[in-house]
Amino acid sequence: MQSFNHFLREKGVSNEVRSLLYHIARSVKYINFSIRAGNTGKCESQNLFGENQLKLDVSADKTIADELEKSELVTVIASEEKDKPEKFKSSRGNFFVAYDPLDGSSLVDANLAIGSIFGIWENADNILGKKVGENLIASCYAVYGPRITLTIAIKDKGAHEFELNDVGEFILSREKVEIENQSKYFAPGNLRACLNNPNYKKWVDFAIENKKTLRYSGGMVPDLHHILSKGQGIFCYPRDKKHVEGKLRLLFECAPFTFIFQEANGIGLNQEGKNILDTVVEDFHQTTPIFIGSKEEIQTVVKFLRKH
């Protein structure tokens, strides 16, 4: 069994990136402790998007920020739970980290799996006005479920899954996670879009007619983890009249996951069929439609939306 740190060292990951991922892994452990302790009540506060926050949202956000500051490698952080990015004066590095501290927190009261998402960029002062994938060098996400897993992708080094063991160490559980080009699974998010986008409904009908198996929990982390675990699948979240630029966040959700999926032989496209990582960052809380998963299946969805 290979430990988290030993595996990354063998893969030739730089000391700085390894150290930064180590601090992210520590934050995941602490968040897991908070979840197990039952700190899931609601706060009176809301985030930038008007969503009610749980105590767990707030504590997870602080836990991650504290660990990133302790790394002394991160110059700027951006959290889905905060209006503006935050700068660390004591940093000796120049990394930018964007994160969703608790994706799917609305599922907590239903006792479904939730997660955390992280993207790591070089050149912290060079994010706005650039393609989101230009300086993105690593991404990872954690799943807080029956097992606690951390899936990491490093640029040109693949995607790999680690599991938290009984003594509090992340141990390699799956090396080189990859997904197939075709899939029998589909996760059609935002089905309300069918009301004003008949092409999306045509694709959903097409998927049903072709005997695709529905797998959708309402949480991006568990749904995308299902795809990576099964080695196939597609997840869609198109725009609608209320969310004309899409609902899911570019920096906190869509770019990190697209990076991971590309390292796993998958793909992430917007509604126009362009790679998510080619999107120019205009705002830290920018949103986008996303279609992500098995390559051939995702290209089929986008063709339906554009040509039918």
C-alpha atoms as a PDB file:
ATOM      1  CA  MET A   1       0.000   0.000   0.000  1.00  0.00           C
ATOM      2  CA  GLN A   2       1.361   3.388  -1.001  1.00  0.00           C
ATOM      3  CA  SER A   3       0.865   6.468   1.099  1.00  0.00           C
ATOM      4  CA  PHE A   4      -0.341   9.682  -0.423  1.00  0.00           C
ATOM      5  CA  ASN A   5       3.000  11.484  -0.084  1.00  0.00           C
ATOM      6  CA  HIS A   6       5.113   8.522  -1.221  1.00  0.00           C
ATOM      7  CA  PHE A   7       3.023   8.018  -4.358  1.00  0.00           C
ATOM      8  CA  LEU A   8       3.224  11.671  -5.367  1.00  0.00           C
ATOM      9  CA  ARG A   9       6.981  11.683  -4.819  1.00  0.00           C
ATOM     10  CA  GLU A  10       7.339   8.612  -7.050  1.00  0.00           C
ATOM     11  CA  LYS A  11       5.281  10.354  -9.726  1.00  0.00           C
ATOM     12  CA  GLY A  12       7.774  13.218  -9.759  1.00  0.00           C
ATOM     13  CA  VAL A  13       5.385  15.816  -8.352  1.00  0.00           C
ATOM     14  CA  SER A  14       7.313  18.887  -7.206  1.00  0.00           C
ATOM     15  CA  ASN A  15       7.928  19.460  -3.504  1.00  0.00           C
ATOM     16  CA  GLU A  16       5.760  22.586  -3.509  1.00  0.00           C
ATOM     17  CA  VAL A  17       2.749  20.935  -5.140  1.00  0.00           C
ATOM     18  CA  ARG A  18       3.134  17.874  -2.910  1.00  0.00           C
ATOM     19  CA  SER A  19       3.222  20.058   0.184  1.00  0.00           C
ATOM     20  CA  LEU A  20       0.176  22.019  -0.973  1.00  0.00           C
ATOM     21  CA  LEU A  21      -1.795  18.822  -1.636  1.00  0.00           C
ATOM     22  CA  TYR A  22      -0.749  17.540   1.783  1.00  0.00           C
ATOM     23  CA  HIS A  23      -2.346  20.589   3.429  1.00  0.00           C
ATOM     24  CA  ILE A  24      -5.493  20.114   1.333  1.00  0.00           C
ATOM     25  CA  ALA A  25      -5.620  16.466   2.445  1.00  0.00           C
ATOM     26  CA  ARG A  26      -5.320  17.590   6.082  1.00  0.00           C
ATOM     27  CA  SER A  27      -8.258  19.965   5.633  1.00  0.00           C
ATOM     28  CA  VAL A  28     -10.312  17.088   4.217  1.00  0.00           C
ATOM     29  CA  LYS A  29      -9.588  15.018   7.343  1.00  0.00           C
ATOM     30  CA  TYR A  30     -10.701  17.872   9.628  1.00  0.00           C
ATOM     31  CA  ILE A  31     -13.888  18.454   7.625  1.00  0.00           C
ATOM     32  CA  ASN A  32     -14.654  14.746   7.880  1.00  0.00           C
ATOM     33  CA  PHE A  33     -14.267  14.964  11.674  1.00  0.00           C
ATOM     34  CA  SER A  34     -16.757  17.866  11.758  1.00  0.00           C
ATOM     35  CA  ILE A  35     -19.271  15.938   9.679  1.00  0.00           C
ATOM     36  CA  ARG A  36     -18.966  12.888  11.938  1.00  0.00           C
ATOM     37  CA  ALA A  37     -19.396  15.153  14.974  1.00  0.00           C
ATOM     38  CA  GLY A  38     -22.763  16.276  13.596  1.00  0.00           C
ATOM     39  CA  ASN A  39     -22.042  19.999  13.152  1.00  0.00           C
ATOM     40  CA  THR A  40     -24.703  20.297  10.454  1.00  0.00           C
ATOM     41  CA  GLY A  41     -27.127  22.940  11.756  1.00  0.00           C
ATOM     42  CA  LYS A  42     -28.053  26.031   9.745  1.00  0.00           C
ATOM     43  CA  CYS A  43     -26.523  29.498  10.099  1.00  0.00           C
ATOM     44  CA  GLU A  44     -28.375  32.771   9.698  1.00  0.00           C
ATOM     45  CA  SER A  45     -25.942  33.747   6.928  1.00  0.00           C
ATOM     46  CA  GLN A  46     -26.150  33.276   3.160  1.00  0.00           C
ATOM     47  CA  ASN A  47     -23.431  33.017   0.530  1.00  0.00           C
ATOM     48  CA  LEU A  48     -22.998  35.286  -2.508  1.00  0.00           C
ATOM     49  CA  PHE A  49     -25.692  33.396  -4.442  1.00  0.00           C
ATOM     50  CA  GLY A  50     -28.317  33.767  -1.716  1.00  0.00           C
ATOM     51  CA  GLU A  51     -28.029  30.160  -0.577  1.00  0.00           C
ATOM     52  CA  ASN A  52     -28.485  29.460   3.132  1.00  0.00           C
ATOM     53  CA  GLN A  53     -25.276  28.282   4.759  1.00  0.00           C
ATOM     54  CA  LEU A  54     -24.849  25.417   7.183  1.00  0.00           C
ATOM     55  CA  LYS A  55     -22.511  25.696  10.156  1.00  0.00           C
ATOM     56  CA  LEU A  56     -20.582  23.024   8.318  1.00  0.00           C
ATOM     57  CA  ASP A  57     -20.235  25.277   5.221  1.00  0.00           C
ATOM     58  CA  VAL A  58     -18.696  28.009   7.339  1.00  0.00           C
ATOM     59  CA  SER A  59     -16.428  25.735   9.371  1.00  0.00           C
ATOM     60  CA  ALA A  60     -15.253  23.853   6.249  1.00  0.00           C
ATOM     61  CA  ASP A  61     -14.435  27.132   4.536  1.00  0.00           C
ATOM     62  CA  LYS A  62     -12.373  28.280   7.526  1.00  0.00           C
ATOM     63  CA  THR A  63     -10.629  24.916   7.868  1.00  0.00           C
ATOM     64  CA  ILE A  64      -9.485  24.976   4.252  1.00  0.00           C
ATOM     65  CA  ALA A  65      -8.409  28.627   4.365  1.00  0.00           C
ATOM     66  CA  ASP A  66      -6.385  27.988   7.522  1.00  0.00           C
ATOM     67  CA  GLU A  67      -4.593  25.002   6.027  1.00  0.00           C
ATOM     68  CA  LEU A  68      -3.820  26.829   2.781  1.00  0.00           C
ATOM     69  CA  GLU A  69      -2.359  29.724   4.743  1.00  0.00           C
ATOM     70  CA  LYS A  70      -0.260  27.324   6.838  1.00  0.00           C
ATOM     71  CA  SER A  71       1.241  25.904   3.649  1.00  0.00           C
ATOM     72  CA  GLU A  72       2.922  29.280   3.027  1.00  0.00           C
ATOM     73  CA  LEU A  73       2.704  28.458  -0.676  1.00  0.00           C
ATOM     74  CA  VAL A  74      -0.611  30.092  -1.575  1.00  0.00           C
ATOM     75  CA  THR A  75      -0.784  33.791  -2.370  1.00  0.00           C
ATOM     76  CA  VAL A  76      -4.499  34.050  -3.182  1.00  0.00           C
ATOM     77  CA  ILE A  77      -7.521  31.884  -2.384  1.00  0.00           C
ATOM     78  CA  ALA A  78     -11.076  32.114  -3.690  1.00  0.00           C
ATOM     79  CA  SER A  79     -13.933  30.282  -2.016  1.00  0.00           C
ATOM     80  CA  GLU A  80     -17.467  29.731  -3.243  1.00  0.00           C
ATOM     81  CA  GLU A  81     -18.604  30.837   0.206  1.00  0.00           C
ATOM     82  CA  LYS A  82     -16.857  34.243   0.079  1.00  0.00           C
ATOM     83  CA  ASP A  83     -17.629  37.296  -2.016  1.00  0.00           C
ATOM     84  CA  LYS A  84     -14.011  38.165  -2.818  1.00  0.00           C
ATOM     85  CA  PRO A  85     -10.630  36.412  -3.071  1.00  0.00           C
ATOM     86  CA  GLU A  86      -8.359  36.592  -0.043  1.00  0.00           C
ATOM     87  CA  LYS A  87      -4.607  37.295  -0.096  1.00  0.00           C
ATOM     88  CA  PHE A  88      -2.007  35.799   2.234  1.00  0.00           C
ATOM     89  CA  LYS A  89       0.875  38.166   2.942  1.00  0.00           C
ATOM     90  CA  SER A  90       3.141  35.522   4.476  1.00  0.00           C
ATOM     91  CA  SER A  91       3.237  33.283   1.391  1.00  0.00           C
ATOM     92  CA  ARG A  92       6.619  32.302  -0.039  1.00  0.00           C
ATOM     93  CA  GLY A  93       4.964  30.701  -3.084  1.00  0.00           C
ATOM     94  CA  ASN A  94       2.750  32.046  -5.838  1.00  0.00           C
ATOM     95  CA  PHE A  95      -0.174  29.638  -6.122  1.00  0.00           C
ATOM     96  CA  PHE A  96      -3.867  30.451  -6.491  1.00  0.00           C
ATOM     97  CA  VAL A  97      -6.369  27.968  -5.061  1.00  0.00           C
ATOM     98  CA  ALA A  98     -10.101  28.083  -5.766  1.00  0.00           C
ATOM     99  CA  TYR A  99     -12.354  25.732  -3.842  1.00  0.00           C
ATOM    100  CA  ASP A 100     -15.892  24.746  -2.997  1.00  0.00           C
ATOM    101  CA  PRO A 101     -15.572  23.800   0.678  1.00  0.00           C
ATOM    102  CA  LEU A 102     -18.751  21.739   0.825  1.00  0.00           C
ATOM    103  CA  ASP A 103     -20.369  20.867  -2.471  1.00  0.00           C
ATOM    104  CA  GLY A 104     -23.866  19.417  -2.083  1.00  0.00           C
ATOM    105  CA  SER A 105     -24.437  20.673   1.454  1.00  0.00           C
ATOM    106  CA  SER A 106     -28.193  20.712   0.777  1.00  0.00           C
ATOM    107  CA  LEU A 107     -27.946  16.900   0.797  1.00  0.00           C
ATOM    108  CA  VAL A 108     -26.644  16.774   4.375  1.00  0.00           C
ATOM    109  CA  ASP A 109     -30.055  16.471   6.013  1.00  0.00           C
ATOM    110  CA  ALA A 110     -30.880  13.589   3.636  1.00  0.00           C
ATOM    111  CA  ASN A 111     -27.626  11.856   4.690  1.00  0.00           C
ATOM    112  CA  LEU A 112     -26.342  11.614   1.117  1.00  0.00           C
ATOM    113  CA  ALA A 113     -22.680  11.884   0.105  1.00  0.00           C
ATOM    114  CA  ILE A 114     -21.181  15.379  -0.183  1.00  0.00           C
ATOM    115  CA  GLY A 115     -17.706  16.630  -1.066  1.00  0.00           C
ATOM    116  CA  SER A 116     -15.068  19.332  -1.424  1.00  0.00           C
ATOM    117  CA  ILE A 117     -13.521  20.532  -4.714  1.00  0.00           C
ATOM    118  CA  PHE A 118     -10.124  22.217  -5.256  1.00  0.00           C
ATOM    119  CA  GLY A 119      -8.285  23.735  -8.216  1.00  0.00           C
ATOM    120  CA  ILE A 120      -4.624  24.793  -8.068  1.00  0.00           C
ATOM    121  CA  TRP A 121      -3.173  27.400 -10.415  1.00  0.00           C
ATOM    122  CA  GLU A 122       0.351  28.740 -10.823  1.00  0.00           C
ATOM    123  CA  ASN A 123       0.884  32.518 -11.116  1.00  0.00           C
ATOM    124  CA  ALA A 124      -1.708  33.698  -8.607  1.00  0.00           C
ATOM    125  CA  ASP A 125      -1.881  37.208 -10.061  1.00  0.00           C
ATOM    126  CA  ASN A 126      -2.561  35.965 -13.574  1.00  0.00           C
ATOM    127  CA  ILE A 127      -6.073  34.470 -13.424  1.00  0.00           C
ATOM    128  CA  LEU A 128      -8.515  37.099 -14.686  1.00  0.00           C
ATOM    129  CA  GLY A 129      -8.492  37.636 -18.436  1.00  0.00           C
ATOM    130  CA  LYS A 130      -6.830  34.266 -19.094  1.00  0.00           C
ATOM    131  CA  LYS A 131      -8.209  30.913 -20.192  1.00  0.00           C
ATOM    132  CA  VAL A 132      -9.132  29.053 -17.018  1.00  0.00           C
ATOM    133  CA  GLY A 133      -6.974  26.070 -17.967  1.00  0.00           C
ATOM    134  CA  GLU A 134      -3.880  28.108 -18.828  1.00  0.00           C
ATOM    135  CA  ASN A 135      -2.160  27.933 -15.440  1.00  0.00           C
ATOM    136  CA  LEU A 136      -4.211  25.121 -13.887  1.00  0.00           C
ATOM    137  CA  ILE A 137      -1.714  22.464 -12.779  1.00  0.00           C
ATOM    138  CA  ALA A 138      -3.655  20.242 -10.380  1.00  0.00           C
ATOM    139  CA  SER A 139      -7.160  19.521  -9.126  1.00  0.00           C
ATOM    140  CA  CYS A 140      -8.688  17.273  -6.533  1.00  0.00           C
ATOM    141  CA  TYR A 141     -11.969  16.481  -4.843  1.00  0.00           C
ATOM    142  CA  ALA A 142     -12.985  14.668  -1.680  1.00  0.00           C
ATOM    143  CA  VAL A 143     -16.056  12.507  -1.115  1.00  0.00           C
ATOM    144  CA  TYR A 144     -17.497  12.263   2.402  1.00  0.00           C
ATOM    145  CA  GLY A 145     -19.484   9.077   2.163  1.00  0.00           C
ATOM    146  CA  PRO A 146     -19.309   5.570   3.644  1.00  0.00           C
ATOM    147  CA  ARG A 147     -15.642   5.818   2.598  1.00  0.00           C
ATOM    148  CA  ILE A 148     -13.612   9.031   2.599  1.00  0.00           C
ATOM    149  CA  THR A 149     -11.781   9.352  -0.692  1.00  0.00           C
ATOM    150  CA  LEU A 150      -9.548  11.996  -2.252  1.00  0.00           C
ATOM    151  CA  THR A 151      -9.095  11.910  -6.029  1.00  0.00           C
ATOM    152  CA  ILE A 152      -6.163  13.916  -7.366  1.00  0.00           C
ATOM    153  CA  ALA A 153      -5.150  14.864 -10.903  1.00  0.00           C
ATOM    154  CA  ILE A 154      -1.741  16.343 -11.710  1.00  0.00           C
ATOM    155  CA  LYS A 155      -1.047  17.820 -15.132  1.00  0.00           C
ATOM    156  CA  ASP A 156       0.162  15.078 -17.501  1.00  0.00           C
ATOM    157  CA  LYS A 157       0.376  12.565 -14.625  1.00  0.00           C
ATOM    158  CA  GLY A 158      -3.166  11.167 -14.635  1.00  0.00           C
ATOM    159  CA  ALA A 159      -5.908  10.943 -12.010  1.00  0.00           C
ATOM    160  CA  HIS A 160      -5.543   8.790  -8.902  1.00  0.00           C
ATOM    161  CA  GLU A 161      -7.774   7.919  -5.954  1.00  0.00           C
ATOM    162  CA  PHE A 162      -6.776   7.668  -2.285  1.00  0.00           C
ATOM    163  CA  GLU A 163      -8.805   6.369   0.633  1.00  0.00           C
ATOM    164  CA  LEU A 164      -8.602   7.471   4.264  1.00  0.00           C
ATOM    165  CA  ASN A 165      -7.681   4.478   6.413  1.00  0.00           C
ATOM    166  CA  ASP A 166      -8.380   3.737  10.078  1.00  0.00           C
ATOM    167  CA  VAL A 167      -5.230   5.494  11.295  1.00  0.00           C
ATOM    168  CA  GLY A 168      -5.907   8.722   9.425  1.00  0.00           C
ATOM    169  CA  GLU A 169      -3.690   8.244   6.365  1.00  0.00           C
ATOM    170  CA  PHE A 170      -4.691   8.548   2.723  1.00  0.00           C
ATOM    171  CA  ILE A 171      -3.605   5.352   0.958  1.00  0.00           C
ATOM    172  CA  LEU A 172      -3.624   4.756  -2.808  1.00  0.00           C
ATOM    173  CA  SER A 173      -6.794   2.850  -3.698  1.00  0.00           C
ATOM    174  CA  ARG A 174      -6.897   3.261  -7.494  1.00  0.00           C
ATOM    175  CA  GLU A 175      -4.008   4.292  -9.708  1.00  0.00           C
ATOM    176  CA  LYS A 176      -4.661   5.902 -13.088  1.00  0.00           C
ATOM    177  CA  VAL A 177      -8.416   6.302 -13.036  1.00  0.00           C
ATOM    178  CA  GLU A 178      -9.791   6.303 -16.595  1.00  0.00           C
ATOM    179  CA  ILE A 179     -13.210   6.404 -18.230  1.00  0.00           C
ATOM    180  CA  GLU A 180     -14.436   4.842 -21.469  1.00  0.00           C
ATOM    181  CA  ASN A 181     -15.609   6.826 -24.491  1.00  0.00           C
ATOM    182  CA  GLN A 182     -19.134   5.379 -24.319  1.00  0.00           C
ATOM    183  CA  SER A 183     -21.470   4.904 -21.397  1.00  0.00           C
ATOM    184  CA  LYS A 184     -24.679   3.275 -20.230  1.00  0.00           C
ATOM    185  CA  TYR A 185     -25.073   5.798 -17.369  1.00  0.00           C
ATOM    186  CA  PHE A 186     -26.458   9.323 -17.597  1.00  0.00           C
ATOM    187  CA  ALA A 187     -27.052  12.092 -15.042  1.00  0.00           C
ATOM    188  CA  PRO A 188     -29.287  14.779 -16.592  1.00  0.00           C
ATOM    189  CA  GLY A 189     -29.143  17.780 -14.284  1.00  0.00           C
ATOM    190  CA  ASN A 190     -31.504  20.770 -14.513  1.00  0.00           C
ATOM    191  CA  LEU A 191     -34.359  18.895 -16.218  1.00  0.00           C
ATOM    192  CA  ARG A 192     -36.418  22.095 -15.894  1.00  0.00           C
ATOM    193  CA  ALA A 193     -34.423  23.315 -18.899  1.00  0.00           C
ATOM    194  CA  CYS A 194     -36.533  20.910 -21.000  1.00  0.00           C
ATOM    195  CA  LEU A 195     -39.420  23.388 -20.625  1.00  0.00           C
ATOM    196  CA  ASN A 196     -37.671  26.021 -22.742  1.00  0.00           C
ATOM    197  CA  ASN A 197     -35.114  23.894 -24.571  1.00  0.00           C
ATOM    198  CA  PRO A 198     -36.860  21.137 -26.550  1.00  0.00           C
ATOM    199  CA  ASN A 199     -33.495  19.913 -27.823  1.00  0.00           C
ATOM    200  CA  TYR A 200     -32.455  18.969 -24.296  1.00  0.00           C
ATOM    201  CA  LYS A 201     -35.694  17.024 -23.864  1.00  0.00           C
ATOM    202  CA  LYS A 202     -35.044  15.266 -27.175  1.00  0.00           C
ATOM    203  CA  TRP A 203     -31.673  14.142 -25.886  1.00  0.00           C
ATOM    204  CA  VAL A 204     -33.157  12.925 -22.569  1.00  0.00           C
ATOM    205  CA  ASP A 205     -35.771  10.960 -24.545  1.00  0.00           C
ATOM    206  CA  PHE A 206     -32.993   9.626 -26.787  1.00  0.00           C
ATOM    207  CA  ALA A 207     -31.032   8.458 -23.739  1.00  0.00           C
ATOM    208  CA  ILE A 208     -34.103   6.681 -22.320  1.00  0.00           C
ATOM    209  CA  GLU A 209     -34.931   5.079 -25.679  1.00  0.00           C
ATOM    210  CA  ASN A 210     -31.357   3.796 -25.842  1.00  0.00           C
ATOM    211  CA  LYS A 211     -31.763   2.208 -22.394  1.00  0.00           C
ATOM    212  CA  LYS A 212     -29.318   4.444 -20.542  1.00  0.00           C
ATOM    213  CA  THR A 213     -29.352   3.965 -16.767  1.00  0.00           C
ATOM    214  CA  LEU A 214     -30.214   7.034 -14.684  1.00  0.00           C
ATOM    215  CA  ARG A 215     -27.749   7.894 -11.913  1.00  0.00           C
ATOM    216  CA  TYR A 216     -28.416  11.319 -10.395  1.00  0.00           C
ATOM    217  CA  SER A 217     -28.249  12.389  -6.742  1.00  0.00           C
ATOM    218  CA  GLY A 218     -28.406  16.176  -7.058  1.00  0.00           C
ATOM    219  CA  GLY A 219     -24.799  16.581  -5.918  1.00  0.00           C
ATOM    220  CA  MET A 220     -22.025  17.282  -8.427  1.00  0.00           C
ATOM    221  CA  VAL A 221     -19.298  15.550  -6.413  1.00  0.00           C
ATOM    222  CA  PRO A 222     -21.096  12.211  -5.862  1.00  0.00           C
ATOM    223  CA  ASP A 223     -22.468  12.159  -9.407  1.00  0.00           C
ATOM    224  CA  LEU A 224     -19.096  12.810 -11.044  1.00  0.00           C
ATOM    225  CA  HIS A 225     -17.399  10.430  -8.632  1.00  0.00           C
ATOM    226  CA  HIS A 226     -19.862   7.751  -9.751  1.00  0.00           C
ATOM    227  CA  ILE A 227     -18.712   8.277 -13.340  1.00  0.00           C
ATOM    228  CA  LEU A 228     -15.050   7.975 -12.418  1.00  0.00           C
ATOM    229  CA  SER A 229     -15.745   4.952 -10.196  1.00  0.00           C
ATOM    230  CA  LYS A 230     -17.697   3.074 -12.859  1.00  0.00           C
ATOM    231  CA  GLY A 231     -15.339   4.123 -15.647  1.00  0.00           C
ATOM    232  CA  GLN A 232     -18.143   5.634 -17.724  1.00  0.00           C
ATOM    233  CA  GLY A 233     -21.003   8.116 -17.549  1.00  0.00           C
ATOM    234  CA  ILE A 234     -22.191  11.605 -18.450  1.00  0.00           C
ATOM    235  CA  PHE A 235     -23.309  14.559 -16.348  1.00  0.00           C
ATOM    236  CA  CYS A 236     -25.161  17.530 -17.832  1.00  0.00           C
ATOM    237  CA  TYR A 237     -26.198  20.900 -16.484  1.00  0.00           C
ATOM    238  CA  PRO A 238     -27.455  23.197 -19.277  1.00  0.00           C
ATOM    239  CA  ARG A 239     -28.495  26.835 -19.076  1.00  0.00           C
ATOM    240  CA  ASP A 240     -32.132  27.859 -18.616  1.00  0.00           C
ATOM    241  CA  LYS A 241     -34.099  31.118 -18.589  1.00  0.00           C
ATOM    242  CA  LYS A 242     -33.215  31.765 -14.947  1.00  0.00           C
ATOM    243  CA  HIS A 243     -29.533  30.882 -15.329  1.00  0.00           C
ATOM    244  CA  VAL A 244     -28.676  32.085 -18.834  1.00  0.00           C
ATOM    245  CA  GLU A 245     -24.939  31.645 -18.195  1.00  0.00           C
ATOM    246  CA  GLY A 246     -25.430  28.333 -16.420  1.00  0.00           C
ATOM    247  CA  LYS A 247     -25.591  27.752 -12.661  1.00  0.00           C
ATOM    248  CA  LEU A 248     -22.414  25.840 -11.784  1.00  0.00           C
ATOM    249  CA  ARG A 249     -19.267  27.828 -10.963  1.00  0.00           C
ATOM    250  CA  LEU A 250     -16.351  27.867 -13.371  1.00  0.00           C
ATOM    251  CA  LEU A 251     -13.462  28.215 -10.893  1.00  0.00           C
ATOM    252  CA  PHE A 252     -14.890  26.262  -7.979  1.00  0.00           C
ATOM    253  CA  GLU A 253     -16.535  23.321  -9.753  1.00  0.00           C
ATOM    254  CA  CYS A 254     -16.399  23.089 -13.540  1.00  0.00           C
ATOM    255  CA  ALA A 255     -12.734  23.833 -14.296  1.00  0.00           C
ATOM    256  CA  PRO A 256     -11.291  21.577 -11.558  1.00  0.00           C
ATOM    257  CA  PHE A 257     -13.526  18.682 -12.579  1.00  0.00           C
ATOM    258  CA  THR A 258     -12.858  19.162 -16.312  1.00  0.00           C
ATOM    259  CA  PHE A 259      -9.129  19.045 -15.550  1.00  0.00           C
ATOM    260  CA  ILE A 260      -9.576  15.786 -13.617  1.00  0.00           C
ATOM    261  CA  PHE A 261     -11.729  14.242 -16.339  1.00  0.00           C
ATOM    262  CA  GLN A 262      -9.248  15.153 -19.065  1.00  0.00           C
ATOM    263  CA  GLU A 263      -6.503  13.429 -17.097  1.00  0.00           C
ATOM    264  CA  ALA A 264      -8.860  10.424 -16.913  1.00  0.00           C
ATOM    265  CA  ASN A 265      -9.531  10.338 -20.693  1.00  0.00           C
ATOM    266  CA  GLY A 266     -12.851  12.186 -20.383  1.00  0.00           C
ATOM    267  CA  ILE A 267     -14.019  15.593 -21.559  1.00  0.00           C
ATOM    268  CA  GLY A 268     -15.843  18.681 -20.271  1.00  0.00           C
ATOM    269  CA  LEU A 269     -17.648  20.978 -22.723  1.00  0.00           C
ATOM    270  CA  ASN A 270     -19.892  24.024 -22.502  1.00  0.00           C
ATOM    271  CA  GLN A 271     -23.221  24.297 -24.313  1.00  0.00           C
ATOM    272  CA  GLU A 272     -21.515  25.537 -27.488  1.00  0.00           C
ATOM    273  CA  GLY A 273     -19.294  22.485 -27.577  1.00  0.00           C
ATOM    274  CA  LYS A 274     -16.118  24.273 -26.484  1.00  0.00           C
ATOM    275  CA  ASN A 275     -13.720  22.905 -23.905  1.00  0.00           C
ATOM    276  CA  ILE A 276     -14.485  24.307 -20.444  1.00  0.00           C
ATOM    277  CA  LEU A 277     -10.758  24.923 -19.894  1.00  0.00           C
ATOM    278  CA  ASP A 278     -10.715  27.345 -22.842  1.00  0.00           C
ATOM    279  CA  THR A 279     -13.201  29.652 -21.077  1.00  0.00           C
ATOM    280  CA  VAL A 280     -11.756  33.078 -20.307  1.00  0.00           C
ATOM    281  CA  VAL A 281     -12.103  34.014 -16.628  1.00  0.00           C
ATOM    282  CA  GLU A 282     -13.942  37.326 -16.365  1.00  0.00           C
ATOM    283  CA  ASP A 283     -15.118  37.064 -12.761  1.00  0.00           C
ATOM    284  CA  PHE A 284     -14.150  34.863  -9.822  1.00  0.00           C
ATOM    285  CA  HIS A 285     -17.783  33.750  -9.375  1.00  0.00           C
ATOM    286  CA  GLN A 286     -18.412  33.187 -13.084  1.00  0.00           C
ATOM    287  CA  THR A 287     -20.808  30.373 -14.025  1.00  0.00           C
ATOM    288  CA  THR A 288     -21.106  28.111 -17.046  1.00  0.00           C
ATOM    289  CA  PRO A 289     -23.216  25.279 -18.470  1.00  0.00           C
ATOM    290  CA  ILE A 290     -21.309  21.990 -18.377  1.00  0.00           C
ATOM    291  CA  PHE A 291     -21.474  18.612 -20.096  1.00  0.00           C
ATOM    292  CA  ILE A 292     -18.831  16.264 -18.717  1.00  0.00           C
ATOM    293  CA  GLY A 293     -17.944  12.585 -18.878  1.00  0.00           C
ATOM    294  CA  SER A 294     -17.351   9.955 -21.567  1.00  0.00           C
ATOM    295  CA  LYS A 295     -16.111  11.666 -24.739  1.00  0.00           C
ATOM    296  CA  GLU A 296     -18.397  10.225 -27.424  1.00  0.00           C
ATOM    297  CA  GLU A 297     -21.497  10.515 -25.245  1.00  0.00           C
ATOM    298  CA  ILE A 298     -20.805  14.146 -24.342  1.00  0.00           C
ATOM    299  CA  GLN A 299     -20.237  15.060 -27.978  1.00  0.00           C
ATOM    300  CA  THR A 300     -23.602  13.446 -28.802  1.00  0.00           C
ATOM    301  CA  VAL A 301     -25.396  15.562 -26.180  1.00  0.00           C
ATOM    302  CA  VAL A 302     -23.863  18.780 -27.477  1.00  0.00           C
ATOM    303  CA  LYS A 303     -24.820  17.878 -31.058  1.00  0.00           C
ATOM    304  CA  PHE A 304     -28.429  17.424 -29.951  1.00  0.00           C
ATOM    305  CA  LEU A 305     -28.430  20.855 -28.331  1.00  0.00           C
ATOM    306  CA  ARG A 306     -26.818  22.583 -31.297  1.00  0.00           C
ATOM    307  CA  LYS A 307     -28.298  20.839 -34.340  1.00  0.00           C
ATOM    308  CA  HIS A 308     -31.704  19.361 -33.537  1.00  0.00           C
END
